[in-house]
C-alpha atoms as a PDB file:
ATOM      1  CA  UNK A   1     -12.942  41.765 -32.642  1.00  0.00           C
ATOM      2  CA  UNK A   2     -14.956  41.919 -35.893  1.00  0.00           C
ATOM      3  CA  UNK A   3     -16.324  38.757 -37.408  1.00  0.00           C
ATOM      4  CA  UNK A   4     -14.532  37.609 -40.479  1.00  0.00           C
ATOM      5  CA  UNK A   5     -16.147  38.537 -43.805  1.00  0.00           C
ATOM      6  CA  UNK A   6     -18.070  35.624 -45.370  1.00  0.00           C
ATOM      7  CA  UNK A   7     -16.763  34.523 -48.712  1.00  0.00           C
ATOM      8  CA  UNK A   8     -19.892  32.218 -49.112  1.00  0.00           C
ATOM      9  CA  UNK A   9     -22.978  33.558 -47.538  1.00  0.00           C
ATOM     10  CA  UNK A  10     -26.314  31.640 -48.006  1.00  0.00           C
ATOM     11  CA  UNK A  11     -29.530  32.582 -46.400  1.00  0.00           C
ATOM     12  CA  UNK A  12     -32.840  30.610 -46.738  1.00  0.00           C
ATOM     13  CA  UNK A  13     -31.902  28.629 -49.752  1.00  0.00           C
ATOM     14  CA  UNK A  14     -34.556  26.125 -50.944  1.00  0.00           C
ATOM     15  CA  UNK A  15     -34.696  24.243 -54.169  1.00  0.00           C
ATOM     16  CA  UNK A  16     -37.146  21.668 -55.427  1.00  0.00           C
ATOM     17  CA  UNK A  17     -37.427  19.449 -58.577  1.00  0.00           C
ATOM     18  CA  UNK A  18     -41.007  19.177 -59.816  1.00  0.00           C
ATOM     19  CA  UNK A  19     -42.375  19.916 -56.304  1.00  0.00           C
ATOM     20  CA  UNK A  20     -40.023  17.511 -54.656  1.00  0.00           C
ATOM     21  CA  UNK A  21     -37.825  19.506 -52.223  1.00  0.00           C
ATOM     22  CA  UNK A  22     -34.146  18.850 -52.353  1.00  0.00           C
ATOM     23  CA  UNK A  23     -32.935  21.744 -50.146  1.00  0.00           C
ATOM     24  CA  UNK A  24     -35.168  23.429 -47.467  1.00  0.00           C
ATOM     25  CA  UNK A  25     -34.471  26.655 -45.849  1.00  0.00           C
ATOM     26  CA  UNK A  26     -30.618  26.180 -45.921  1.00  0.00           C
ATOM     27  CA  UNK A  27     -28.227  28.798 -44.248  1.00  0.00           C
ATOM     28  CA  UNK A  28     -24.373  28.634 -44.529  1.00  0.00           C
ATOM     29  CA  UNK A  29     -21.563  31.094 -43.915  1.00  0.00           C
ATOM     30  CA  UNK A  30     -18.007  30.350 -44.921  1.00  0.00           C
ATOM     31  CA  UNK A  31     -15.052  32.656 -44.139  1.00  0.00           C
ATOM     32  CA  UNK A  32     -12.145  33.454 -46.346  1.00  0.00           C
ATOM     33  CA  UNK A  33      -9.488  30.665 -46.226  1.00  0.00           C
ATOM     34  CA  UNK A  34     -11.911  28.284 -44.507  1.00  0.00           C
ATOM     35  CA  UNK A  35     -12.205  24.605 -45.504  1.00  0.00           C
ATOM     36  CA  UNK A  36     -15.864  23.320 -44.988  1.00  0.00           C
ATOM     37  CA  UNK A  37     -17.074  19.801 -45.647  1.00  0.00           C
ATOM     38  CA  UNK A  38     -20.751  19.121 -46.494  1.00  0.00           C
ATOM     39  CA  UNK A  39     -21.761  15.583 -45.207  1.00  0.00           C
ATOM     40  CA  UNK A  40     -24.755  13.670 -46.165  1.00  0.00           C
ATOM     41  CA  UNK A  41     -25.952  10.303 -47.637  1.00  0.00           C
ATOM     42  CA  UNK A  42     -27.253  10.138 -51.161  1.00  0.00           C
ATOM     43  CA  UNK A  43     -30.449  12.223 -51.553  1.00  0.00           C
ATOM     44  CA  UNK A  44     -29.583  14.597 -48.705  1.00  0.00           C
ATOM     45  CA  UNK A  45     -29.129  17.693 -50.933  1.00  0.00           C
ATOM     46  CA  UNK A  46     -25.485  17.820 -51.235  1.00  0.00           C
ATOM     47  CA  UNK A  47     -25.396  17.657 -55.092  1.00  0.00           C
ATOM     48  CA  UNK A  48     -28.200  20.150 -55.418  1.00  0.00           C
ATOM     49  CA  UNK A  49     -26.337  22.678 -53.185  1.00  0.00           C
ATOM     50  CA  UNK A  50     -23.215  22.226 -55.387  1.00  0.00           C
ATOM     51  CA  UNK A  51     -25.243  22.603 -58.566  1.00  0.00           C
ATOM     52  CA  UNK A  52     -26.787  25.928 -57.312  1.00  0.00           C
ATOM     53  CA  UNK A  53     -23.514  27.422 -56.029  1.00  0.00           C
ATOM     54  CA  UNK A  54     -21.633  26.482 -59.197  1.00  0.00           C
ATOM     55  CA  UNK A  55     -24.425  28.242 -61.300  1.00  0.00           C
ATOM     56  CA  UNK A  56     -25.399  25.110 -63.051  1.00  0.00           C
ATOM     57  CA  UNK A  57     -28.921  25.527 -61.949  1.00  0.00           C
ATOM     58  CA  UNK A  58     -30.607  28.872 -61.173  1.00  0.00           C
ATOM     59  CA  UNK A  59     -31.313  29.978 -57.637  1.00  0.00           C
ATOM     60  CA  UNK A  60     -35.110  29.484 -56.714  1.00  0.00           C
ATOM     61  CA  UNK A  61     -35.644  30.713 -53.202  1.00  0.00           C
ATOM     62  CA  UNK A  62     -33.253  32.482 -50.860  1.00  0.00           C
ATOM     63  CA  UNK A  63     -30.217  34.847 -51.285  1.00  0.00           C
ATOM     64  CA  UNK A  64     -26.595  33.882 -51.662  1.00  0.00           C
ATOM     65  CA  UNK A  65     -23.359  35.622 -52.335  1.00  0.00           C
ATOM     66  CA  UNK A  66     -20.048  34.305 -53.432  1.00  0.00           C
ATOM     67  CA  UNK A  67     -16.912  36.314 -53.227  1.00  0.00           C
ATOM     68  CA  UNK A  68     -19.029  39.429 -52.840  1.00  0.00           C
ATOM     69  CA  UNK A  69     -21.264  38.576 -55.964  1.00  0.00           C
ATOM     70  CA  UNK A  70     -25.026  38.026 -55.801  1.00  0.00           C
ATOM     71  CA  UNK A  71     -25.667  34.582 -57.018  1.00  0.00           C
ATOM     72  CA  UNK A  72     -29.123  35.471 -58.618  1.00  0.00           C
ATOM     73  CA  UNK A  73     -27.864  38.441 -60.606  1.00  0.00           C
ATOM     74  CA  UNK A  74     -24.140  38.036 -61.147  1.00  0.00           C
ATOM     75  CA  UNK A  75     -23.562  34.498 -62.387  1.00  0.00           C
ATOM     76  CA  UNK A  76     -20.842  35.626 -64.985  1.00  0.00           C
ATOM     77  CA  UNK A  77     -18.801  37.398 -62.269  1.00  0.00           C
ATOM     78  CA  UNK A  78     -19.109  34.474 -59.943  1.00  0.00           C
ATOM     79  CA  UNK A  79     -17.900  32.057 -62.535  1.00  0.00           C
ATOM     80  CA  UNK A  80     -14.695  34.119 -62.855  1.00  0.00           C
ATOM     81  CA  UNK A  81     -14.133  33.855 -59.083  1.00  0.00           C
ATOM     82  CA  UNK A  82     -15.013  30.189 -58.894  1.00  0.00           C
ATOM     83  CA  UNK A  83     -13.035  27.013 -59.361  1.00  0.00           C
ATOM     84  CA  UNK A  84     -14.975  23.783 -59.685  1.00  0.00           C
ATOM     85  CA  UNK A  85     -13.946  20.242 -59.626  1.00  0.00           C
ATOM     86  CA  UNK A  86     -16.758  17.850 -60.356  1.00  0.00           C
ATOM     87  CA  UNK A  87     -17.174  14.348 -59.232  1.00  0.00           C
ATOM     88  CA  UNK A  88     -17.410  12.900 -62.721  1.00  0.00           C
ATOM     89  CA  UNK A  89     -13.905  13.232 -64.610  1.00  0.00           C
ATOM     90  CA  UNK A  90     -13.579  16.327 -66.873  1.00  0.00           C
ATOM     91  CA  UNK A  91     -10.189  15.587 -68.419  1.00  0.00           C
ATOM     92  CA  UNK A  92      -9.793  14.723 -72.079  1.00  0.00           C
ATOM     93  CA  UNK A  93      -7.980  11.414 -71.742  1.00  0.00           C
ATOM     94  CA  UNK A  94      -6.518  11.642 -75.271  1.00  0.00           C
ATOM     95  CA  UNK A  95      -4.708  14.948 -74.461  1.00  0.00           C
ATOM     96  CA  UNK A  96      -1.656  15.466 -72.366  1.00  0.00           C
ATOM     97  CA  UNK A  97      -1.587  17.093 -68.983  1.00  0.00           C
ATOM     98  CA  UNK A  98      -0.461  20.458 -70.299  1.00  0.00           C
ATOM     99  CA  UNK A  99      -2.936  20.296 -73.283  1.00  0.00           C
ATOM    100  CA  UNK A 100      -5.796  19.949 -70.781  1.00  0.00           C
ATOM    101  CA  UNK A 101      -4.661  22.757 -68.923  1.00  0.00           C
ATOM    102  CA  UNK A 102      -4.292  25.038 -71.954  1.00  0.00           C
ATOM    103  CA  UNK A 103      -7.823  24.229 -73.057  1.00  0.00           C
ATOM    104  CA  UNK A 104      -9.132  25.260 -69.655  1.00  0.00           C
ATOM    105  CA  UNK A 105      -7.023  28.447 -69.963  1.00  0.00           C
ATOM    106  CA  UNK A 106      -8.723  29.343 -73.180  1.00  0.00           C
ATOM    107  CA  UNK A 107     -12.098  29.308 -71.342  1.00  0.00           C
ATOM    108  CA  UNK A 108     -10.890  32.161 -69.170  1.00  0.00           C
ATOM    109  CA  UNK A 109      -9.085  34.019 -71.770  1.00  0.00           C
ATOM    110  CA  UNK A 110      -5.509  33.252 -70.223  1.00  0.00           C
ATOM    111  CA  UNK A 111      -2.509  33.458 -72.605  1.00  0.00           C
ATOM    112  CA  UNK A 112       1.027  34.402 -72.966  1.00  0.00           C
ATOM    113  CA  UNK A 113       3.663  34.703 -70.303  1.00  0.00           C
ATOM    114  CA  UNK A 114       1.171  34.860 -67.380  1.00  0.00           C
ATOM    115  CA  UNK A 115      -0.380  31.457 -68.596  1.00  0.00           C
ATOM    116  CA  UNK A 116       2.958  29.843 -68.994  1.00  0.00           C
ATOM    117  CA  UNK A 117       3.890  30.930 -65.456  1.00  0.00           C
ATOM    118  CA  UNK A 118       0.724  29.882 -64.054  1.00  0.00           C
ATOM    119  CA  UNK A 119       1.056  26.303 -65.601  1.00  0.00           C
ATOM    120  CA  UNK A 120       4.503  25.962 -64.484  1.00  0.00           C
ATOM    121  CA  UNK A 121       3.570  26.918 -60.934  1.00  0.00           C
ATOM    122  CA  UNK A 122       0.667  24.443 -60.812  1.00  0.00           C
ATOM    123  CA  UNK A 123       2.665  21.623 -62.311  1.00  0.00           C
ATOM    124  CA  UNK A 124       5.299  22.091 -59.568  1.00  0.00           C
ATOM    125  CA  UNK A 125       2.654  22.483 -56.797  1.00  0.00           C
ATOM    126  CA  UNK A 126       1.009  19.215 -57.625  1.00  0.00           C
ATOM    127  CA  UNK A 127       4.047  17.293 -58.511  1.00  0.00           C
ATOM    128  CA  UNK A 128       3.097  16.989 -62.282  1.00  0.00           C
ATOM    129  CA  UNK A 129       6.129  18.670 -63.969  1.00  0.00           C
ATOM    130  CA  UNK A 130       7.526  15.408 -65.152  1.00  0.00           C
ATOM    131  CA  UNK A 131       4.118  14.334 -66.459  1.00  0.00           C
ATOM    132  CA  UNK A 132       3.334  17.488 -68.350  1.00  0.00           C
ATOM    133  CA  UNK A 133       3.640  15.896 -71.710  1.00  0.00           C
ATOM    134  CA  UNK A 134       1.912  12.607 -70.817  1.00  0.00           C
ATOM    135  CA  UNK A 135      -1.511  11.422 -71.907  1.00  0.00           C
ATOM    136  CA  UNK A 136      -3.938  11.707 -69.047  1.00  0.00           C
ATOM    137  CA  UNK A 137      -5.341   8.214 -69.814  1.00  0.00           C
ATOM    138  CA  UNK A 138      -2.064   6.879 -68.727  1.00  0.00           C
ATOM    139  CA  UNK A 139      -2.093   8.479 -65.318  1.00  0.00           C
ATOM    140  CA  UNK A 140      -3.307   6.870 -62.132  1.00  0.00           C
ATOM    141  CA  UNK A 141      -6.562   7.980 -60.441  1.00  0.00           C
ATOM    142  CA  UNK A 142      -4.639  10.034 -57.868  1.00  0.00           C
ATOM    143  CA  UNK A 143      -2.624  11.808 -60.587  1.00  0.00           C
ATOM    144  CA  UNK A 144      -5.729  12.492 -62.723  1.00  0.00           C
ATOM    145  CA  UNK A 145      -7.226  14.093 -59.618  1.00  0.00           C
ATOM    146  CA  UNK A 146      -4.256  16.285 -59.267  1.00  0.00           C
ATOM    147  CA  UNK A 147      -4.608  17.520 -62.820  1.00  0.00           C
ATOM    148  CA  UNK A 148      -8.285  18.177 -62.133  1.00  0.00           C
ATOM    149  CA  UNK A 149      -7.359  20.391 -59.224  1.00  0.00           C
ATOM    150  CA  UNK A 150      -4.774  22.197 -61.312  1.00  0.00           C
ATOM    151  CA  UNK A 151      -7.491  22.931 -63.944  1.00  0.00           C
ATOM    152  CA  UNK A 152      -9.821  24.298 -61.351  1.00  0.00           C
ATOM    153  CA  UNK A 153      -7.056  26.548 -59.921  1.00  0.00           C
ATOM    154  CA  UNK A 154      -5.631  27.807 -63.152  1.00  0.00           C
ATOM    155  CA  UNK A 155      -7.449  31.125 -63.228  1.00  0.00           C
ATOM    156  CA  UNK A 156      -6.706  31.901 -59.471  1.00  0.00           C
ATOM    157  CA  UNK A 157     -10.296  31.619 -58.074  1.00  0.00           C
ATOM    158  CA  UNK A 158     -11.269  32.882 -54.593  1.00  0.00           C
ATOM    159  CA  UNK A 159     -13.448  29.968 -53.989  1.00  0.00           C
ATOM    160  CA  UNK A 160     -13.044  26.311 -54.916  1.00  0.00           C
ATOM    161  CA  UNK A 161     -16.010  23.907 -54.954  1.00  0.00           C
ATOM    162  CA  UNK A 162     -15.166  20.226 -54.976  1.00  0.00           C
ATOM    163  CA  UNK A 163     -17.905  17.651 -55.477  1.00  0.00           C
ATOM    164  CA  UNK A 164     -16.900  14.370 -53.872  1.00  0.00           C
ATOM    165  CA  UNK A 165     -13.134  14.917 -54.791  1.00  0.00           C
ATOM    166  CA  UNK A 166     -11.982  11.740 -53.196  1.00  0.00           C
ATOM    167  CA  UNK A 167     -14.352   9.362 -54.892  1.00  0.00           C
ATOM    168  CA  UNK A 168     -12.539   6.392 -56.553  1.00  0.00           C
ATOM    169  CA  UNK A 169      -9.216   7.299 -54.866  1.00  0.00           C
ATOM    170  CA  UNK A 170      -7.327   4.779 -52.655  1.00  0.00           C
ATOM    171  CA  UNK A 171      -6.465   5.854 -49.032  1.00  0.00           C
ATOM    172  CA  UNK A 172      -3.118   7.081 -49.874  1.00  0.00           C
ATOM    173  CA  UNK A 173      -4.353   9.291 -52.819  1.00  0.00           C
ATOM    174  CA  UNK A 174      -7.075  10.666 -50.491  1.00  0.00           C
ATOM    175  CA  UNK A 175      -4.579  11.719 -47.913  1.00  0.00           C
ATOM    176  CA  UNK A 176      -2.540  13.298 -50.525  1.00  0.00           C
ATOM    177  CA  UNK A 177      -5.552  15.238 -51.886  1.00  0.00           C
ATOM    178  CA  UNK A 178      -6.268  16.488 -48.331  1.00  0.00           C
ATOM    179  CA  UNK A 179      -2.713  17.535 -47.965  1.00  0.00           C
ATOM    180  CA  UNK A 180      -2.948  19.746 -51.103  1.00  0.00           C
ATOM    181  CA  UNK A 181      -6.277  21.302 -49.937  1.00  0.00           C
ATOM    182  CA  UNK A 182      -4.804  22.259 -46.640  1.00  0.00           C
ATOM    183  CA  UNK A 183      -1.757  23.772 -48.263  1.00  0.00           C
ATOM    184  CA  UNK A 184      -3.909  25.655 -50.751  1.00  0.00           C
ATOM    185  CA  UNK A 185      -5.921  27.384 -48.320  1.00  0.00           C
ATOM    186  CA  UNK A 186      -2.898  28.287 -45.941  1.00  0.00           C
ATOM    187  CA  UNK A 187      -0.858  29.637 -48.761  1.00  0.00           C
ATOM    188  CA  UNK A 188      -3.350  31.130 -51.069  1.00  0.00           C
ATOM    189  CA  UNK A 189      -6.304  32.059 -48.726  1.00  0.00           C
ATOM    190  CA  UNK A 190      -8.529  29.986 -51.002  1.00  0.00           C
ATOM    191  CA  UNK A 191     -11.939  29.325 -49.568  1.00  0.00           C
ATOM    192  CA  UNK A 192     -12.872  25.564 -50.018  1.00  0.00           C
ATOM    193  CA  UNK A 193     -16.311  24.025 -49.846  1.00  0.00           C
ATOM    194  CA  UNK A 194     -16.449  20.196 -50.559  1.00  0.00           C
ATOM    195  CA  UNK A 195     -18.942  17.548 -50.468  1.00  0.00           C
ATOM    196  CA  UNK A 196     -18.067  14.163 -49.253  1.00  0.00           C
ATOM    197  CA  UNK A 197     -19.560  10.950 -47.876  1.00  0.00           C
ATOM    198  CA  UNK A 198     -16.304   9.962 -46.084  1.00  0.00           C
ATOM    199  CA  UNK A 199     -16.648  10.744 -42.402  1.00  0.00           C
ATOM    200  CA  UNK A 200     -13.029  10.137 -41.509  1.00  0.00           C
ATOM    201  CA  UNK A 201     -11.752  12.872 -43.982  1.00  0.00           C
ATOM    202  CA  UNK A 202     -14.299  15.223 -42.850  1.00  0.00           C
ATOM    203  CA  UNK A 203     -12.441  15.347 -39.552  1.00  0.00           C
ATOM    204  CA  UNK A 204      -9.783  17.503 -41.112  1.00  0.00           C
ATOM    205  CA  UNK A 205     -12.163  20.338 -42.159  1.00  0.00           C
ATOM    206  CA  UNK A 206     -12.576  23.523 -40.183  1.00  0.00           C
ATOM    207  CA  UNK A 207     -16.219  23.130 -39.948  1.00  0.00           C
ATOM    208  CA  UNK A 208     -18.817  20.557 -41.096  1.00  0.00           C
ATOM    209  CA  UNK A 209     -22.416  20.969 -42.419  1.00  0.00           C
ATOM    210  CA  UNK A 210     -24.445  17.796 -42.053  1.00  0.00           C
ATOM    211  CA  UNK A 211     -27.439  17.477 -44.472  1.00  0.00           C
ATOM    212  CA  UNK A 212     -30.371  15.118 -44.163  1.00  0.00           C
ATOM    213  CA  UNK A 213     -33.466  15.197 -46.377  1.00  0.00           C
ATOM    214  CA  UNK A 214     -32.501  18.589 -47.684  1.00  0.00           C
ATOM    215  CA  UNK A 215     -32.141  20.212 -44.228  1.00  0.00           C
ATOM    216  CA  UNK A 216     -29.006  21.398 -42.377  1.00  0.00           C
ATOM    217  CA  UNK A 217     -29.211  19.223 -39.163  1.00  0.00           C
ATOM    218  CA  UNK A 218     -25.764  19.963 -37.725  1.00  0.00           C
ATOM    219  CA  UNK A 219     -23.154  22.765 -38.203  1.00  0.00           C
ATOM    220  CA  UNK A 220     -19.862  23.359 -36.425  1.00  0.00           C
ATOM    221  CA  UNK A 221     -16.288  22.173 -36.004  1.00  0.00           C
ATOM    222  CA  UNK A 222     -15.797  18.438 -35.654  1.00  0.00           C
ATOM    223  CA  UNK A 223     -14.941  18.893 -31.928  1.00  0.00           C
ATOM    224  CA  UNK A 224     -18.081  21.052 -31.300  1.00  0.00           C
ATOM    225  CA  UNK A 225     -20.365  18.620 -33.122  1.00  0.00           C
ATOM    226  CA  UNK A 226     -19.035  15.579 -31.160  1.00  0.00           C
ATOM    227  CA  UNK A 227     -19.438  17.512 -27.974  1.00  0.00           C
ATOM    228  CA  UNK A 228     -23.110  17.748 -28.631  1.00  0.00           C
ATOM    229  CA  UNK A 229     -23.520  13.960 -28.141  1.00  0.00           C
ATOM    230  CA  UNK A 230     -24.362  13.354 -24.515  1.00  0.00           C
ATOM    231  CA  UNK A 231     -21.619  11.017 -23.339  1.00  0.00           C
ATOM    232  CA  UNK A 232     -20.336   7.708 -24.728  1.00  0.00           C
ATOM    233  CA  UNK A 233     -22.307   5.612 -27.186  1.00  0.00           C
ATOM    234  CA  UNK A 234     -23.398   2.160 -26.354  1.00  0.00           C
ATOM    235  CA  UNK A 235     -24.835  -0.129 -28.912  1.00  0.00           C
ATOM    236  CA  UNK A 236     -26.678  -3.335 -27.921  1.00  0.00           C
ATOM    237  CA  UNK A 237     -27.394  -6.238 -30.366  1.00  0.00           C
ATOM    238  CA  UNK A 238     -30.438  -8.256 -29.269  1.00  0.00           C
ATOM    239  CA  UNK A 239     -33.193 -10.393 -30.682  1.00  0.00           C
ATOM    240  CA  UNK A 240     -35.876  -8.056 -29.449  1.00  0.00           C
ATOM    241  CA  UNK A 241     -34.616  -4.422 -29.833  1.00  0.00           C
ATOM    242  CA  UNK A 242     -37.970  -2.692 -29.568  1.00  0.00           C
ATOM    243  CA  UNK A 243     -39.060  -4.533 -26.381  1.00  0.00           C
ATOM    244  CA  UNK A 244     -35.438  -4.232 -24.898  1.00  0.00           C
ATOM    245  CA  UNK A 245     -35.253  -0.438 -25.636  1.00  0.00           C
ATOM    246  CA  UNK A 246     -38.494   0.217 -23.861  1.00  0.00           C
ATOM    247  CA  UNK A 247     -37.407  -1.958 -20.804  1.00  0.00           C
ATOM    248  CA  UNK A 248     -33.958  -0.354 -20.695  1.00  0.00           C
ATOM    249  CA  UNK A 249     -35.560   3.241 -20.673  1.00  0.00           C
ATOM    250  CA  UNK A 250     -37.851   2.349 -17.946  1.00  0.00           C
ATOM    251  CA  UNK A 251     -35.306   0.179 -15.904  1.00  0.00           C
ATOM    252  CA  UNK A 252     -32.213   2.557 -16.281  1.00  0.00           C
ATOM    253  CA  UNK A 253     -33.830   5.909 -16.457  1.00  0.00           C
ATOM    254  CA  UNK A 254     -32.017   6.753 -19.576  1.00  0.00           C
ATOM    255  CA  UNK A 255     -33.422   7.129 -23.164  1.00  0.00           C
ATOM    256  CA  UNK A 256     -32.791   4.129 -25.296  1.00  0.00           C
ATOM    257  CA  UNK A 257     -33.851   3.865 -29.008  1.00  0.00           C
ATOM    258  CA  UNK A 258     -33.700   1.522 -31.794  1.00  0.00           C
ATOM    259  CA  UNK A 259     -31.300   2.374 -34.662  1.00  0.00           C
ATOM    260  CA  UNK A 260     -31.144  -0.040 -37.544  1.00  0.00           C
ATOM    261  CA  UNK A 261     -32.044  -3.081 -35.580  1.00  0.00           C
ATOM    262  CA  UNK A 262     -29.826  -2.340 -32.460  1.00  0.00           C
ATOM    263  CA  UNK A 263     -30.486  -0.558 -29.142  1.00  0.00           C
ATOM    264  CA  UNK A 264     -28.663   2.585 -28.656  1.00  0.00           C
ATOM    265  CA  UNK A 265     -28.099   4.837 -25.716  1.00  0.00           C
ATOM    266  CA  UNK A 266     -25.781   7.717 -24.856  1.00  0.00           C
ATOM    267  CA  UNK A 267     -24.374   8.036 -21.318  1.00  0.00           C
ATOM    268  CA  UNK A 268     -21.503   9.650 -19.573  1.00  0.00           C
ATOM    269  CA  UNK A 269     -19.028   7.060 -18.209  1.00  0.00           C
ATOM    270  CA  UNK A 270     -20.159   4.363 -20.547  1.00  0.00           C
ATOM    271  CA  UNK A 271     -17.701   1.782 -19.205  1.00  0.00           C
ATOM    272  CA  UNK A 272     -19.711   1.780 -16.042  1.00  0.00           C
ATOM    273  CA  UNK A 273     -22.925   0.937 -17.663  1.00  0.00           C
ATOM    274  CA  UNK A 274     -21.806  -2.255 -19.528  1.00  0.00           C
ATOM    275  CA  UNK A 275     -21.967  -4.594 -16.688  1.00  0.00           C
ATOM    276  CA  UNK A 276     -25.170  -2.900 -15.393  1.00  0.00           C
ATOM    277  CA  UNK A 277     -26.944  -3.515 -18.756  1.00  0.00           C
ATOM    278  CA  UNK A 278     -25.581  -7.143 -19.076  1.00  0.00           C
ATOM    279  CA  UNK A 279     -26.560  -7.983 -15.464  1.00  0.00           C
ATOM    280  CA  UNK A 280     -30.037  -6.249 -15.729  1.00  0.00           C
ATOM    281  CA  UNK A 281     -31.033  -8.278 -18.940  1.00  0.00           C
ATOM    282  CA  UNK A 282     -29.478 -11.640 -18.641  1.00  0.00           C
ATOM    283  CA  UNK A 283     -29.386 -13.729 -21.758  1.00  0.00           C
ATOM    284  CA  UNK A 284     -30.880 -10.835 -23.929  1.00  0.00           C
ATOM    285  CA  UNK A 285     -27.655  -9.172 -24.970  1.00  0.00           C
ATOM    286  CA  UNK A 286     -25.909 -10.858 -27.868  1.00  0.00           C
ATOM    287  CA  UNK A 287     -23.287  -8.181 -28.139  1.00  0.00           C
ATOM    288  CA  UNK A 288     -22.480  -4.827 -26.802  1.00  0.00           C
ATOM    289  CA  UNK A 289     -20.222  -2.105 -27.891  1.00  0.00           C
ATOM    290  CA  UNK A 290     -18.831   0.992 -26.334  1.00  0.00           C
ATOM    291  CA  UNK A 291     -17.376   4.025 -28.207  1.00  0.00           C
ATOM    292  CA  UNK A 292     -16.605   7.700 -27.681  1.00  0.00           C
ATOM    293  CA  UNK A 293     -18.672  10.119 -29.695  1.00  0.00           C
ATOM    294  CA  UNK A 294     -17.772  10.228 -33.420  1.00  0.00           C
ATOM    295  CA  UNK A 295     -19.297  12.142 -36.391  1.00  0.00           C
ATOM    296  CA  UNK A 296     -21.496   9.083 -37.127  1.00  0.00           C
ATOM    297  CA  UNK A 297     -22.853   9.510 -33.541  1.00  0.00           C
ATOM    298  CA  UNK A 298     -23.694  13.072 -34.279  1.00  0.00           C
ATOM    299  CA  UNK A 299     -25.443  12.042 -37.417  1.00  0.00           C
ATOM    300  CA  UNK A 300     -27.386   9.351 -35.526  1.00  0.00           C
ATOM    301  CA  UNK A 301     -28.271  11.749 -32.811  1.00  0.00           C
ATOM    302  CA  UNK A 302     -29.660  14.302 -35.286  1.00  0.00           C
ATOM    303  CA  UNK A 303     -31.438  11.986 -37.746  1.00  0.00           C
ATOM    304  CA  UNK A 304     -32.076   8.608 -35.884  1.00  0.00           C
ATOM    305  CA  UNK A 305     -30.275   6.826 -38.720  1.00  0.00           C
ATOM    306  CA  UNK A 306     -26.694   5.616 -39.463  1.00  0.00           C
ATOM    307  CA  UNK A 307     -24.745   7.704 -41.948  1.00  0.00           C
END
C-alpha cells in the first residue's frame, strides 16, 4: 500500500538568529488530514518553526513543501493554501464578528455569493450565527477563538497552522476547540499543525513532535511515544538525591538519575519495586510516587528535564 502523500514535508530545516540556533536539522512529514501537535517548552523552537512555515520569516537552511509548493520559491502560492491562527489575538475588537470576517475575505479577494455562502457556513459550524452582528470585544475568550478559527478557514485552506490556540482558554473552551479541530480534519480533510504547551491536549493528536533546544527529540503517536519509556516511572524524594541515585543504581542494578531534585528510575512492574526501595534505604525516602508512562515521562526520558 503506497505511503500517503505528505501535505507538509520538511527536511533539514535549520534557523538561527544572529548566530544563535533556534532550529537544528529539523525533519517532519505530515499527511493530508493529519492533526499533529508540536510540543516543547519556551525556547524549544516551536515559535520559530511556526514563523518559518507561515512565511513570516524566510527559509534559511533545508527544504520544505506545503500543499505541494516550495517554501523557498512559492511563498505567495503557499499563503493562498494556508490558514493561520496566531497566538496573539488578531480580531478588531471594535468590529462585529461578520465585519471581521469580511475584512479577512478582502485579503483573499473573496466576494459576492460565494463569500456570503462561506460566511454563513462558518458561522453555523462554529455556533456563531446568533453572534454575527455582535462586537467581538463583548465575546468570551472561547467565542473569540472560534471567530479566529473562522477567519483562518474562510478561504478554504488545505493546511491550518495554529500557534498555541488554547492559550488563555478555560478547560471547557479548550475541549470545545479540540472538538472543532477533530471535526474539521474529518469532514474537510484539512491538515492541522499546532503548537502547544499543554501535554494533556496533545494526547488527542494523531502524532506528536517534541522539541527541545531546537532539536526534534521525539516523533510518533502518543501511544508509540509512551511505549518507548522502559516501564513504570518511580520518583523518589530525598534529602540527598545525587548520593541516593548512585547508591540505587549500584544496589538495584537499574539506572537511577536525578531530575529536578528527585531521584527517578523506570522499571517494569513498578509496584513490586516500591517496598524494595523503601526497605533498602530506610529513613532516606521522604516520599515515593509510581506512575504509568506519560508524555511528560517521554520528555524527561529524552531530555533529562521536566516539561
